């Protein structure tokens, strides 16, 4: 049964979706560009090899262009869809990805994929060209941009997998994995690792089976019977992902995560969570009681926007809570966000106002 979350508000994503650690001052752009140039000059001093220089040159060019493509869409919520390039249109997984793309586009979310055939094509077919973005890898076989995104201005062609993987995780607000091969499993585990270690902010990670399918259910059982049983992961780590074969459940898992929670930033050592609903003092007390185990010191408090958050001026008026997070229990942090969304979201039947 579909959960009754508020809809995600449009146009209120953070402008810079990766760096959550604010330094003690906001460095001007020109000083950062100067630092990049200084690093380039040091390569000559280091007598870097031609091969090393070519890797750096190509990677910088790829990322510069990709950032240029993504920048106009930074405030638009986006979800990356992973899955096999070999899945045929008559496969239930293809149809599931297609319907997921369609539903997310209806919710005003853009779909990012590897731009190839199979599951990638299916999600783009569902979303349509206007709501699709592609990050294509240039291979000597198998991978050509699908007909939906081919020649579109929102398509980026890349030579390196590592630049492509960065974009898949940096530029989006959720990950959905359908059935796939080595690449899909690699992408699922890498995303989980980044979130589990705090190198990427918490976000929905949905493992989406075809209706009645067991690909990800079997994967989850493997984790529980091996990794969890041998204490190679913690029980709370299971909160970092969601396995389902229900389309609407997958959609709710993604958009519900941002129904009250908006984003997070570290400001002078304190973790600040931006919310769409002002929490009551009583609710803050409940959070302090339930989640005191993830605090290094102090308590969870309500705060205003800090001066160091001026890079996201359009979010300045959002309510905020602040805590000194131990930066270790990321599964528990995800549970904290879930508690906020559950307690402050579903009770209200009022639709959030759309912002331009």
C-alpha atoms as a PDB file:
ATOM      1  CA  UNK A   1       0.000   0.000   0.000  1.00  0.00           C
ATOM      2  CA  UNK A   2       1.300   3.482  -0.882  1.00  0.00           C
ATOM      3  CA  UNK A   3       2.406   5.664   2.028  1.00  0.00           C
ATOM      4  CA  UNK A   4       0.845   9.116   2.308  1.00  0.00           C
ATOM      5  CA  UNK A   5       3.816  11.452   2.290  1.00  0.00           C
ATOM      6  CA  UNK A   6       3.704  15.081   1.282  1.00  0.00           C
ATOM      7  CA  UNK A   7       4.954  15.746  -2.199  1.00  0.00           C
ATOM      8  CA  UNK A   8       8.511  16.975  -2.663  1.00  0.00           C
ATOM      9  CA  UNK A   9       8.560  20.719  -3.127  1.00  0.00           C
ATOM     10  CA  UNK A  10       9.920  21.832  -6.504  1.00  0.00           C
ATOM     11  CA  UNK A  11      12.779  24.303  -6.884  1.00  0.00           C
ATOM     12  CA  UNK A  12      14.119  23.944  -3.347  1.00  0.00           C
ATOM     13  CA  UNK A  13      17.087  21.662  -3.864  1.00  0.00           C
ATOM     14  CA  UNK A  14      20.432  22.955  -2.659  1.00  0.00           C
ATOM     15  CA  UNK A  15      22.462  24.741  -5.345  1.00  0.00           C
ATOM     16  CA  UNK A  16      25.679  22.836  -4.649  1.00  0.00           C
ATOM     17  CA  UNK A  17      24.764  19.234  -4.023  1.00  0.00           C
ATOM     18  CA  UNK A  18      28.064  17.707  -2.930  1.00  0.00           C
ATOM     19  CA  UNK A  19      30.141  19.845  -0.531  1.00  0.00           C
ATOM     20  CA  UNK A  20      28.414  19.679   2.831  1.00  0.00           C
ATOM     21  CA  UNK A  21      31.476  20.693   4.858  1.00  0.00           C
ATOM     22  CA  UNK A  22      31.706  24.465   5.175  1.00  0.00           C
ATOM     23  CA  UNK A  23      35.104  25.925   6.020  1.00  0.00           C
ATOM     24  CA  UNK A  24      35.437  28.853   8.403  1.00  0.00           C
ATOM     25  CA  UNK A  25      35.185  31.290   5.505  1.00  0.00           C
ATOM     26  CA  UNK A  26      33.651  31.403   2.042  1.00  0.00           C
ATOM     27  CA  UNK A  27      36.523  31.537  -0.435  1.00  0.00           C
ATOM     28  CA  UNK A  28      35.873  33.560  -3.603  1.00  0.00           C
ATOM     29  CA  UNK A  29      35.735  31.643  -6.873  1.00  0.00           C
ATOM     30  CA  UNK A  30      38.860  33.288  -8.244  1.00  0.00           C
ATOM     31  CA  UNK A  31      40.982  32.022  -5.365  1.00  0.00           C
ATOM     32  CA  UNK A  32      39.823  28.448  -5.989  1.00  0.00           C
ATOM     33  CA  UNK A  33      40.571  28.799  -9.721  1.00  0.00           C
ATOM     34  CA  UNK A  34      44.019  30.141  -8.798  1.00  0.00           C
ATOM     35  CA  UNK A  35      44.565  27.071  -6.623  1.00  0.00           C
ATOM     36  CA  UNK A  36      43.681  24.795  -9.559  1.00  0.00           C
ATOM     37  CA  UNK A  37      46.203  26.638 -11.742  1.00  0.00           C
ATOM     38  CA  UNK A  38      48.854  26.359  -9.051  1.00  0.00           C
ATOM     39  CA  UNK A  39      48.288  22.607  -8.870  1.00  0.00           C
ATOM     40  CA  UNK A  40      48.658  22.399 -12.657  1.00  0.00           C
ATOM     41  CA  UNK A  41      51.967  24.287 -12.475  1.00  0.00           C
ATOM     42  CA  UNK A  42      53.250  21.827  -9.891  1.00  0.00           C
ATOM     43  CA  UNK A  43      52.757  18.991 -12.376  1.00  0.00           C
ATOM     44  CA  UNK A  44      55.543  20.510 -14.456  1.00  0.00           C
ATOM     45  CA  UNK A  45      57.759  20.782 -11.397  1.00  0.00           C
ATOM     46  CA  UNK A  46      56.993  17.157 -10.549  1.00  0.00           C
ATOM     47  CA  UNK A  47      57.893  16.093 -14.094  1.00  0.00           C
ATOM     48  CA  UNK A  48      54.631  14.201 -14.313  1.00  0.00           C
ATOM     49  CA  UNK A  49      54.488  11.569 -17.038  1.00  0.00           C
ATOM     50  CA  UNK A  50      52.653  12.170 -20.277  1.00  0.00           C
ATOM     51  CA  UNK A  51      50.131   9.465 -19.355  1.00  0.00           C
ATOM     52  CA  UNK A  52      49.387  11.058 -15.985  1.00  0.00           C
ATOM     53  CA  UNK A  53      48.981  14.476 -17.586  1.00  0.00           C
ATOM     54  CA  UNK A  54      46.562  13.107 -20.177  1.00  0.00           C
ATOM     55  CA  UNK A  55      44.394  11.532 -17.464  1.00  0.00           C
ATOM     56  CA  UNK A  56      44.214  14.782 -15.506  1.00  0.00           C
ATOM     57  CA  UNK A  57      43.616  16.865 -18.619  1.00  0.00           C
ATOM     58  CA  UNK A  58      40.811  14.671 -19.893  1.00  0.00           C
ATOM     59  CA  UNK A  59      39.156  14.293 -16.476  1.00  0.00           C
ATOM     60  CA  UNK A  60      39.181  18.050 -15.844  1.00  0.00           C
ATOM     61  CA  UNK A  61      37.731  18.764 -19.279  1.00  0.00           C
ATOM     62  CA  UNK A  62      35.012  16.143 -18.829  1.00  0.00           C
ATOM     63  CA  UNK A  63      33.978  17.421 -15.420  1.00  0.00           C
ATOM     64  CA  UNK A  64      34.080  21.078 -16.470  1.00  0.00           C
ATOM     65  CA  UNK A  65      31.700  20.406 -19.340  1.00  0.00           C
ATOM     66  CA  UNK A  66      29.469  18.120 -17.270  1.00  0.00           C
ATOM     67  CA  UNK A  67      29.140  20.718 -14.513  1.00  0.00           C
ATOM     68  CA  UNK A  68      28.207  23.289 -17.169  1.00  0.00           C
ATOM     69  CA  UNK A  69      25.432  20.981 -18.409  1.00  0.00           C
ATOM     70  CA  UNK A  70      24.086  20.187 -14.931  1.00  0.00           C
ATOM     71  CA  UNK A  71      24.286  23.708 -13.455  1.00  0.00           C
ATOM     72  CA  UNK A  72      20.975  25.031 -14.904  1.00  0.00           C
ATOM     73  CA  UNK A  73      19.175  22.036 -13.353  1.00  0.00           C
ATOM     74  CA  UNK A  74      20.799  22.076  -9.907  1.00  0.00           C
ATOM     75  CA  UNK A  75      17.655  23.194  -8.084  1.00  0.00           C
ATOM     76  CA  UNK A  76      15.604  20.488  -9.811  1.00  0.00           C
ATOM     77  CA  UNK A  77      15.297  17.213  -7.924  1.00  0.00           C
ATOM     78  CA  UNK A  78      16.839  14.309  -9.839  1.00  0.00           C
ATOM     79  CA  UNK A  79      17.099  10.546  -9.415  1.00  0.00           C
ATOM     80  CA  UNK A  80      19.681   8.258 -11.010  1.00  0.00           C
ATOM     81  CA  UNK A  81      18.357   4.965 -12.374  1.00  0.00           C
ATOM     82  CA  UNK A  82      20.833   2.090 -12.718  1.00  0.00           C
ATOM     83  CA  UNK A  83      20.246  -1.265 -14.386  1.00  0.00           C
ATOM     84  CA  UNK A  84      21.291  -3.611 -17.152  1.00  0.00           C
ATOM     85  CA  UNK A  85      21.946  -2.366 -20.678  1.00  0.00           C
ATOM     86  CA  UNK A  86      20.883  -5.808 -21.937  1.00  0.00           C
ATOM     87  CA  UNK A  87      17.269  -5.753 -20.745  1.00  0.00           C
ATOM     88  CA  UNK A  88      14.738  -6.025 -23.574  1.00  0.00           C
ATOM     89  CA  UNK A  89      11.536  -3.943 -23.812  1.00  0.00           C
ATOM     90  CA  UNK A  90       9.349  -7.004 -23.170  1.00  0.00           C
ATOM     91  CA  UNK A  91      11.157  -7.761 -19.899  1.00  0.00           C
ATOM     92  CA  UNK A  92       9.174  -6.936 -16.696  1.00  0.00           C
ATOM     93  CA  UNK A  93      12.192  -5.031 -15.345  1.00  0.00           C
ATOM     94  CA  UNK A  94      12.179  -2.779 -18.431  1.00  0.00           C
ATOM     95  CA  UNK A  95       8.498  -2.053 -17.950  1.00  0.00           C
ATOM     96  CA  UNK A  96       9.026  -1.363 -14.244  1.00  0.00           C
ATOM     97  CA  UNK A  97      11.805   1.132 -15.023  1.00  0.00           C
ATOM     98  CA  UNK A  98       9.664   2.765 -17.694  1.00  0.00           C
ATOM     99  CA  UNK A  99       6.752   3.238 -15.305  1.00  0.00           C
ATOM    100  CA  UNK A 100       9.092   4.517 -12.598  1.00  0.00           C
ATOM    101  CA  UNK A 101      10.495   7.126 -14.981  1.00  0.00           C
ATOM    102  CA  UNK A 102       6.987   8.169 -15.928  1.00  0.00           C
ATOM    103  CA  UNK A 103       5.850   8.494 -12.308  1.00  0.00           C
ATOM    104  CA  UNK A 104       8.900  10.495 -11.236  1.00  0.00           C
ATOM    105  CA  UNK A 105       8.485  12.887 -14.155  1.00  0.00           C
ATOM    106  CA  UNK A 106       4.873  13.376 -13.057  1.00  0.00           C
ATOM    107  CA  UNK A 107       6.259  14.354  -9.650  1.00  0.00           C
ATOM    108  CA  UNK A 108       8.566  16.875 -11.419  1.00  0.00           C
ATOM    109  CA  UNK A 109      11.725  14.857 -10.823  1.00  0.00           C
ATOM    110  CA  UNK A 110      14.288  14.468 -13.592  1.00  0.00           C
ATOM    111  CA  UNK A 111      15.719  11.064 -14.510  1.00  0.00           C
ATOM    112  CA  UNK A 112      19.491  10.616 -14.866  1.00  0.00           C
ATOM    113  CA  UNK A 113      20.842   7.411 -16.425  1.00  0.00           C
ATOM    114  CA  UNK A 114      23.913   6.144 -18.209  1.00  0.00           C
ATOM    115  CA  UNK A 115      22.075   7.045 -21.432  1.00  0.00           C
ATOM    116  CA  UNK A 116      22.383   3.566 -22.904  1.00  0.00           C
ATOM    117  CA  UNK A 117      19.858   0.877 -23.851  1.00  0.00           C
ATOM    118  CA  UNK A 118      17.982  -1.514 -21.564  1.00  0.00           C
ATOM    119  CA  UNK A 119      16.939  -0.159 -18.170  1.00  0.00           C
ATOM    120  CA  UNK A 120      18.532   3.200 -18.948  1.00  0.00           C
ATOM    121  CA  UNK A 121      16.434   3.585 -22.068  1.00  0.00           C
ATOM    122  CA  UNK A 122      13.303   2.430 -20.243  1.00  0.00           C
ATOM    123  CA  UNK A 123      13.581   5.097 -17.543  1.00  0.00           C
ATOM    124  CA  UNK A 124      14.143   7.768 -20.195  1.00  0.00           C
ATOM    125  CA  UNK A 125      11.197   6.545 -22.261  1.00  0.00           C
ATOM    126  CA  UNK A 126       8.986   6.870 -19.206  1.00  0.00           C
ATOM    127  CA  UNK A 127      10.273  10.327 -18.256  1.00  0.00           C
ATOM    128  CA  UNK A 128      10.448  11.759 -21.775  1.00  0.00           C
ATOM    129  CA  UNK A 129      13.271  13.841 -23.218  1.00  0.00           C
ATOM    130  CA  UNK A 130      12.460  17.055 -21.338  1.00  0.00           C
ATOM    131  CA  UNK A 131      12.793  15.326 -17.956  1.00  0.00           C
ATOM    132  CA  UNK A 132      15.802  13.155 -18.880  1.00  0.00           C
ATOM    133  CA  UNK A 133      19.552  13.667 -18.512  1.00  0.00           C
ATOM    134  CA  UNK A 134      22.219  11.252 -19.738  1.00  0.00           C
ATOM    135  CA  UNK A 135      25.783  10.476 -18.687  1.00  0.00           C
ATOM    136  CA  UNK A 136      27.098   8.215 -21.435  1.00  0.00           C
ATOM    137  CA  UNK A 137      30.318   6.187 -21.290  1.00  0.00           C
ATOM    138  CA  UNK A 138      32.163   5.751 -24.565  1.00  0.00           C
ATOM    139  CA  UNK A 139      32.832   2.039 -25.067  1.00  0.00           C
ATOM    140  CA  UNK A 140      33.922   0.044 -28.126  1.00  0.00           C
ATOM    141  CA  UNK A 141      30.828  -2.142 -27.693  1.00  0.00           C
ATOM    142  CA  UNK A 142      27.299  -2.184 -26.285  1.00  0.00           C
ATOM    143  CA  UNK A 143      26.945   1.445 -25.300  1.00  0.00           C
ATOM    144  CA  UNK A 144      25.375   4.021 -27.608  1.00  0.00           C
ATOM    145  CA  UNK A 145      23.084   6.813 -26.390  1.00  0.00           C
ATOM    146  CA  UNK A 146      19.459   5.702 -26.498  1.00  0.00           C
ATOM    147  CA  UNK A 147      17.040   7.377 -28.896  1.00  0.00           C
ATOM    148  CA  UNK A 148      15.367   9.419 -26.150  1.00  0.00           C
ATOM    149  CA  UNK A 149      18.477  11.343 -25.079  1.00  0.00           C
ATOM    150  CA  UNK A 150      20.568  11.039 -28.268  1.00  0.00           C
ATOM    151  CA  UNK A 151      21.730  14.512 -29.466  1.00  0.00           C
ATOM    152  CA  UNK A 152      19.919  16.207 -26.571  1.00  0.00           C
ATOM    153  CA  UNK A 153      21.732  19.106 -24.893  1.00  0.00           C
ATOM    154  CA  UNK A 154      21.396  17.328 -21.546  1.00  0.00           C
ATOM    155  CA  UNK A 155      23.585  14.411 -22.697  1.00  0.00           C
ATOM    156  CA  UNK A 156      27.217  14.226 -21.534  1.00  0.00           C
ATOM    157  CA  UNK A 157      29.673  11.807 -23.156  1.00  0.00           C
ATOM    158  CA  UNK A 158      32.553  10.643 -20.961  1.00  0.00           C
ATOM    159  CA  UNK A 159      35.716   8.626 -21.443  1.00  0.00           C
ATOM    160  CA  UNK A 160      36.294   7.685 -17.796  1.00  0.00           C
ATOM    161  CA  UNK A 161      34.097   5.632 -15.532  1.00  0.00           C
ATOM    162  CA  UNK A 162      35.294   7.516 -12.441  1.00  0.00           C
ATOM    163  CA  UNK A 163      34.103  10.909 -13.719  1.00  0.00           C
ATOM    164  CA  UNK A 164      30.820   9.328 -14.754  1.00  0.00           C
ATOM    165  CA  UNK A 165      30.339   7.721 -11.339  1.00  0.00           C
ATOM    166  CA  UNK A 166      30.958  11.048  -9.623  1.00  0.00           C
ATOM    167  CA  UNK A 167      28.164  12.681 -11.616  1.00  0.00           C
ATOM    168  CA  UNK A 168      25.743   9.828 -10.960  1.00  0.00           C
ATOM    169  CA  UNK A 169      26.018  10.425  -7.210  1.00  0.00           C
ATOM    170  CA  UNK A 170      26.958  14.107  -6.939  1.00  0.00           C
ATOM    171  CA  UNK A 171      24.246  15.593  -9.128  1.00  0.00           C
ATOM    172  CA  UNK A 172      21.205  13.701  -7.859  1.00  0.00           C
ATOM    173  CA  UNK A 173      19.037  13.302  -4.775  1.00  0.00           C
ATOM    174  CA  UNK A 174      18.201   9.597  -4.955  1.00  0.00           C
ATOM    175  CA  UNK A 175      19.396   6.337  -6.505  1.00  0.00           C
ATOM    176  CA  UNK A 176      17.180   3.570  -7.884  1.00  0.00           C
ATOM    177  CA  UNK A 177      18.711   0.277  -9.009  1.00  0.00           C
ATOM    178  CA  UNK A 178      16.874  -2.221 -11.183  1.00  0.00           C
ATOM    179  CA  UNK A 179      18.251  -5.677 -11.993  1.00  0.00           C
ATOM    180  CA  UNK A 180      21.640  -5.587 -13.671  1.00  0.00           C
ATOM    181  CA  UNK A 181      25.089  -7.103 -14.037  1.00  0.00           C
ATOM    182  CA  UNK A 182      28.499  -6.317 -12.562  1.00  0.00           C
ATOM    183  CA  UNK A 183      28.125  -2.607 -13.288  1.00  0.00           C
ATOM    184  CA  UNK A 184      24.785  -2.279 -11.506  1.00  0.00           C
ATOM    185  CA  UNK A 185      26.031  -4.160  -8.454  1.00  0.00           C
ATOM    186  CA  UNK A 186      29.165  -2.015  -8.429  1.00  0.00           C
ATOM    187  CA  UNK A 187      27.072   1.158  -8.556  1.00  0.00           C
ATOM    188  CA  UNK A 188      24.755  -0.053  -5.797  1.00  0.00           C
ATOM    189  CA  UNK A 189      27.595  -1.014  -3.456  1.00  0.00           C
ATOM    190  CA  UNK A 190      29.618   2.115  -4.204  1.00  0.00           C
ATOM    191  CA  UNK A 191      26.648   4.375  -3.464  1.00  0.00           C
ATOM    192  CA  UNK A 192      25.973   2.505  -0.228  1.00  0.00           C
ATOM    193  CA  UNK A 193      29.635   2.820   0.750  1.00  0.00           C
ATOM    194  CA  UNK A 194      29.658   6.572   0.109  1.00  0.00           C
ATOM    195  CA  UNK A 195      26.528   7.081   2.210  1.00  0.00           C
ATOM    196  CA  UNK A 196      27.635   4.646   4.935  1.00  0.00           C
ATOM    197  CA  UNK A 197      30.966   6.467   5.344  1.00  0.00           C
ATOM    198  CA  UNK A 198      29.509   9.966   5.149  1.00  0.00           C
ATOM    199  CA  UNK A 199      31.241  10.843   1.891  1.00  0.00           C
ATOM    200  CA  UNK A 200      27.783  11.443   0.434  1.00  0.00           C
ATOM    201  CA  UNK A 201      24.802  12.903   2.287  1.00  0.00           C
ATOM    202  CA  UNK A 202      22.022  10.450   3.152  1.00  0.00           C
ATOM    203  CA  UNK A 203      19.611   9.966   0.266  1.00  0.00           C
ATOM    204  CA  UNK A 204      17.070   7.348  -0.795  1.00  0.00           C
ATOM    205  CA  UNK A 205      18.668   4.201  -2.251  1.00  0.00           C
ATOM    206  CA  UNK A 206      15.926   2.013  -3.700  1.00  0.00           C
ATOM    207  CA  UNK A 207      16.536  -1.503  -5.022  1.00  0.00           C
ATOM    208  CA  UNK A 208      13.604  -2.004  -7.377  1.00  0.00           C
ATOM    209  CA  UNK A 209      12.592  -5.510  -8.460  1.00  0.00           C
ATOM    210  CA  UNK A 210      10.167  -6.272 -11.241  1.00  0.00           C
ATOM    211  CA  UNK A 211       6.699  -7.092  -9.860  1.00  0.00           C
ATOM    212  CA  UNK A 212       7.028 -10.450  -8.132  1.00  0.00           C
ATOM    213  CA  UNK A 213      10.785 -10.499  -8.839  1.00  0.00           C
ATOM    214  CA  UNK A 214      13.457 -11.522  -6.350  1.00  0.00           C
ATOM    215  CA  UNK A 215      16.738 -10.116  -7.717  1.00  0.00           C
ATOM    216  CA  UNK A 216      17.156  -7.547  -4.943  1.00  0.00           C
ATOM    217  CA  UNK A 217      15.287  -9.572  -2.340  1.00  0.00           C
ATOM    218  CA  UNK A 218      17.863 -12.338  -2.797  1.00  0.00           C
ATOM    219  CA  UNK A 219      20.633  -9.727  -2.623  1.00  0.00           C
ATOM    220  CA  UNK A 220      19.243  -8.421   0.660  1.00  0.00           C
ATOM    221  CA  UNK A 221      19.104 -11.933   2.088  1.00  0.00           C
ATOM    222  CA  UNK A 222      22.746 -12.416   1.115  1.00  0.00           C
ATOM    223  CA  UNK A 223      23.653  -9.279   3.058  1.00  0.00           C
ATOM    224  CA  UNK A 224      21.745 -10.418   6.130  1.00  0.00           C
ATOM    225  CA  UNK A 225      22.960 -14.028   6.037  1.00  0.00           C
ATOM    226  CA  UNK A 226      26.588 -13.158   5.420  1.00  0.00           C
ATOM    227  CA  UNK A 227      27.627  -9.554   6.052  1.00  0.00           C
ATOM    228  CA  UNK A 228      25.271  -8.871   8.956  1.00  0.00           C
ATOM    229  CA  UNK A 229      25.604 -12.309  10.532  1.00  0.00           C
ATOM    230  CA  UNK A 230      29.400 -12.021  10.483  1.00  0.00           C
ATOM    231  CA  UNK A 231      29.162  -8.451  11.851  1.00  0.00           C
ATOM    232  CA  UNK A 232      30.778  -7.007   8.726  1.00  0.00           C
ATOM    233  CA  UNK A 233      27.999  -4.404   8.674  1.00  0.00           C
ATOM    234  CA  UNK A 234      25.746  -3.064  11.431  1.00  0.00           C
ATOM    235  CA  UNK A 235      22.018  -3.644  11.694  1.00  0.00           C
ATOM    236  CA  UNK A 236      21.454   0.088  11.317  1.00  0.00           C
ATOM    237  CA  UNK A 237      23.193  -0.057   7.916  1.00  0.00           C
ATOM    238  CA  UNK A 238      20.126  -1.864   6.591  1.00  0.00           C
ATOM    239  CA  UNK A 239      18.271   1.453   6.993  1.00  0.00           C
ATOM    240  CA  UNK A 240      20.392   2.954   4.216  1.00  0.00           C
ATOM    241  CA  UNK A 241      18.471   1.176   1.459  1.00  0.00           C
ATOM    242  CA  UNK A 242      14.972  -0.011   0.625  1.00  0.00           C
ATOM    243  CA  UNK A 243      14.047  -3.135  -1.350  1.00  0.00           C
ATOM    244  CA  UNK A 244      10.669  -3.294  -3.070  1.00  0.00           C
ATOM    245  CA  UNK A 245       8.900  -4.639  -6.145  1.00  0.00           C
ATOM    246  CA  UNK A 246       6.064  -2.120  -5.847  1.00  0.00           C
ATOM    247  CA  UNK A 247       6.244   0.900  -8.134  1.00  0.00           C
ATOM    248  CA  UNK A 248       4.322   3.309  -5.899  1.00  0.00           C
ATOM    249  CA  UNK A 249       6.296   2.204  -2.861  1.00  0.00           C
ATOM    250  CA  UNK A 250       9.506   3.076  -4.722  1.00  0.00           C
ATOM    251  CA  UNK A 251       8.139   6.495  -5.695  1.00  0.00           C
ATOM    252  CA  UNK A 252       7.013   7.175  -2.119  1.00  0.00           C
ATOM    253  CA  UNK A 253      10.413   6.127  -0.743  1.00  0.00           C
ATOM    254  CA  UNK A 254      12.113   8.719  -2.935  1.00  0.00           C
ATOM    255  CA  UNK A 255       9.792  11.703  -2.672  1.00  0.00           C
ATOM    256  CA  UNK A 256       8.872  11.006   0.948  1.00  0.00           C
ATOM    257  CA  UNK A 257      12.496  11.430   2.013  1.00  0.00           C
ATOM    258  CA  UNK A 258      12.260  15.107   1.031  1.00  0.00           C
ATOM    259  CA  UNK A 259       8.733  15.705   2.266  1.00  0.00           C
ATOM    260  CA  UNK A 260       9.999  17.454   5.415  1.00  0.00           C
ATOM    261  CA  UNK A 261      13.777  17.027   5.221  1.00  0.00           C
ATOM    262  CA  UNK A 262      15.433  19.245   2.615  1.00  0.00           C
ATOM    263  CA  UNK A 263      19.211  18.966   2.907  1.00  0.00           C
ATOM    264  CA  UNK A 264      22.135  19.121   5.349  1.00  0.00           C
ATOM    265  CA  UNK A 265      25.335  21.061   5.900  1.00  0.00           C
ATOM    266  CA  UNK A 266      28.183  20.884   8.377  1.00  0.00           C
ATOM    267  CA  UNK A 267      28.791  24.363   9.774  1.00  0.00           C
ATOM    268  CA  UNK A 268      31.760  24.789  12.125  1.00  0.00           C
ATOM    269  CA  UNK A 269      31.597  21.173  13.221  1.00  0.00           C
ATOM    270  CA  UNK A 270      27.848  21.083  13.752  1.00  0.00           C
ATOM    271  CA  UNK A 271      25.493  19.180  11.475  1.00  0.00           C
ATOM    272  CA  UNK A 272      22.585  21.365  10.349  1.00  0.00           C
ATOM    273  CA  UNK A 273      19.457  19.733   8.917  1.00  0.00           C
ATOM    274  CA  UNK A 274      17.213  22.003   6.843  1.00  0.00           C
ATOM    275  CA  UNK A 275      13.507  21.220   7.102  1.00  0.00           C
ATOM    276  CA  UNK A 276      10.261  22.312   5.479  1.00  0.00           C
ATOM    277  CA  UNK A 277       8.332  22.169   8.763  1.00  0.00           C
ATOM    278  CA  UNK A 278       9.138  23.872  12.044  1.00  0.00           C
ATOM    279  CA  UNK A 279       9.498  21.177  14.733  1.00  0.00           C
ATOM    280  CA  UNK A 280       7.925  21.781  18.121  1.00  0.00           C
ATOM    281  CA  UNK A 281      10.013  21.934  21.282  1.00  0.00           C
ATOM    282  CA  UNK A 282       8.323  18.735  22.423  1.00  0.00           C
ATOM    283  CA  UNK A 283       9.407  16.945  19.252  1.00  0.00           C
ATOM    284  CA  UNK A 284      13.000  18.142  19.705  1.00  0.00           C
ATOM    285  CA  UNK A 285      12.931  16.635  23.195  1.00  0.00           C
ATOM    286  CA  UNK A 286      11.802  13.308  21.716  1.00  0.00           C
ATOM    287  CA  UNK A 287      14.640  13.400  19.189  1.00  0.00           C
ATOM    288  CA  UNK A 288      17.165  14.080  21.939  1.00  0.00           C
ATOM    289  CA  UNK A 289      15.870  11.135  23.913  1.00  0.00           C
ATOM    290  CA  UNK A 290      15.753   8.705  20.973  1.00  0.00           C
ATOM    291  CA  UNK A 291      18.953   9.702  19.196  1.00  0.00           C
ATOM    292  CA  UNK A 292      21.321  10.728  21.966  1.00  0.00           C
ATOM    293  CA  UNK A 293      23.559   7.804  20.939  1.00  0.00           C
ATOM    294  CA  UNK A 294      24.646   9.625  17.750  1.00  0.00           C
ATOM    295  CA  UNK A 295      25.652  12.840  19.537  1.00  0.00           C
ATOM    296  CA  UNK A 296      29.302  13.477  20.308  1.00  0.00           C
ATOM    297  CA  UNK A 297      28.239  16.087  22.830  1.00  0.00           C
ATOM    298  CA  UNK A 298      25.464  18.543  23.567  1.00  0.00           C
ATOM    299  CA  UNK A 299      21.870  18.212  22.408  1.00  0.00           C
ATOM    300  CA  UNK A 300      19.778  18.685  19.267  1.00  0.00           C
ATOM    301  CA  UNK A 301      18.573  22.292  19.046  1.00  0.00           C
ATOM    302  CA  UNK A 302      16.652  24.548  16.677  1.00  0.00           C
ATOM    303  CA  UNK A 303      18.813  27.139  14.878  1.00  0.00           C
ATOM    304  CA  UNK A 304      18.644  29.845  12.214  1.00  0.00           C
ATOM    305  CA  UNK A 305      20.569  29.890   8.926  1.00  0.00           C
ATOM    306  CA  UNK A 306      24.292  30.540   9.434  1.00  0.00           C
ATOM    307  CA  UNK A 307      26.276  33.129   7.513  1.00  0.00           C
ATOM    308  CA  UNK A 308      28.306  30.334   5.923  1.00  0.00           C
ATOM    309  CA  UNK A 309      25.158  28.976   4.262  1.00  0.00           C
ATOM    310  CA  UNK A 310      24.743  32.015   1.993  1.00  0.00           C
ATOM    311  CA  UNK A 311      25.567  29.878  -1.068  1.00  0.00           C
ATOM    312  CA  UNK A 312      22.008  28.583  -0.719  1.00  0.00           C
ATOM    313  CA  UNK A 313      20.153  31.861  -0.222  1.00  0.00           C
ATOM    314  CA  UNK A 314      16.883  30.391  -1.532  1.00  0.00           C
ATOM    315  CA  UNK A 315      16.903  28.054   1.489  1.00  0.00           C
ATOM    316  CA  UNK A 316      17.658  30.737   4.089  1.00  0.00           C
ATOM    317  CA  UNK A 317      14.118  30.837   5.483  1.00  0.00           C
ATOM    318  CA  UNK A 318      13.815  27.096   6.086  1.00  0.00           C
ATOM    319  CA  UNK A 319      13.613  25.886   9.707  1.00  0.00           C
ATOM    320  CA  UNK A 320      16.745  24.100  10.922  1.00  0.00           C
ATOM    321  CA  UNK A 321      17.934  21.791  13.655  1.00  0.00           C
ATOM    322  CA  UNK A 322      21.561  21.393  14.681  1.00  0.00           C
ATOM    323  CA  UNK A 323      23.563  18.668  16.411  1.00  0.00           C
ATOM    324  CA  UNK A 324      27.142  17.582  16.996  1.00  0.00           C
ATOM    325  CA  UNK A 325      26.946  14.320  15.065  1.00  0.00           C
ATOM    326  CA  UNK A 326      29.495  11.589  15.779  1.00  0.00           C
ATOM    327  CA  UNK A 327      29.947  11.092  12.002  1.00  0.00           C
ATOM    328  CA  UNK A 328      29.953   7.349  12.490  1.00  0.00           C
ATOM    329  CA  UNK A 329      26.391   6.070  12.799  1.00  0.00           C
ATOM    330  CA  UNK A 330      25.082   7.056   9.373  1.00  0.00           C
ATOM    331  CA  UNK A 331      22.379   4.396   9.518  1.00  0.00           C
ATOM    332  CA  UNK A 332      21.067   6.028  12.677  1.00  0.00           C
ATOM    333  CA  UNK A 333      21.245   9.444  11.023  1.00  0.00           C
ATOM    334  CA  UNK A 334      19.039   8.055   8.263  1.00  0.00           C
ATOM    335  CA  UNK A 335      16.645   6.802  10.952  1.00  0.00           C
ATOM    336  CA  UNK A 336      16.610  10.316  12.447  1.00  0.00           C
ATOM    337  CA  UNK A 337      15.630  11.805   9.089  1.00  0.00           C
ATOM    338  CA  UNK A 338      12.961   9.128   8.663  1.00  0.00           C
ATOM    339  CA  UNK A 339      11.566   9.969  12.098  1.00  0.00           C
ATOM    340  CA  UNK A 340      11.370  13.655  11.155  1.00  0.00           C
ATOM    341  CA  UNK A 341       9.576  12.875   7.894  1.00  0.00           C
ATOM    342  CA  UNK A 342       7.176  10.464   9.586  1.00  0.00           C
ATOM    343  CA  UNK A 343       6.303  12.645  12.574  1.00  0.00           C
ATOM    344  CA  UNK A 344       6.149  16.030  10.847  1.00  0.00           C
ATOM    345  CA  UNK A 345       4.829  14.999   7.441  1.00  0.00           C
ATOM    346  CA  UNK A 346       1.970  12.490   7.146  1.00  0.00           C
ATOM    347  CA  UNK A 347      -0.240  13.945   9.874  1.00  0.00           C
ATOM    348  CA  UNK A 348      -0.870  17.049   7.798  1.00  0.00           C
ATOM    349  CA  UNK A 349      -3.255  16.835   4.845  1.00  0.00           C
ATOM    350  CA  UNK A 350      -2.264  20.323   3.729  1.00  0.00           C
ATOM    351  CA  UNK A 351      -0.444  20.368   0.378  1.00  0.00           C
ATOM    352  CA  UNK A 352       2.870  22.294   0.443  1.00  0.00           C
ATOM    353  CA  UNK A 353       2.904  25.476  -1.562  1.00  0.00           C
ATOM    354  CA  UNK A 354       4.859  25.223  -4.800  1.00  0.00           C
ATOM    355  CA  UNK A 355       7.787  27.610  -5.120  1.00  0.00           C
ATOM    356  CA  UNK A 356       8.989  29.019  -8.416  1.00  0.00           C
END
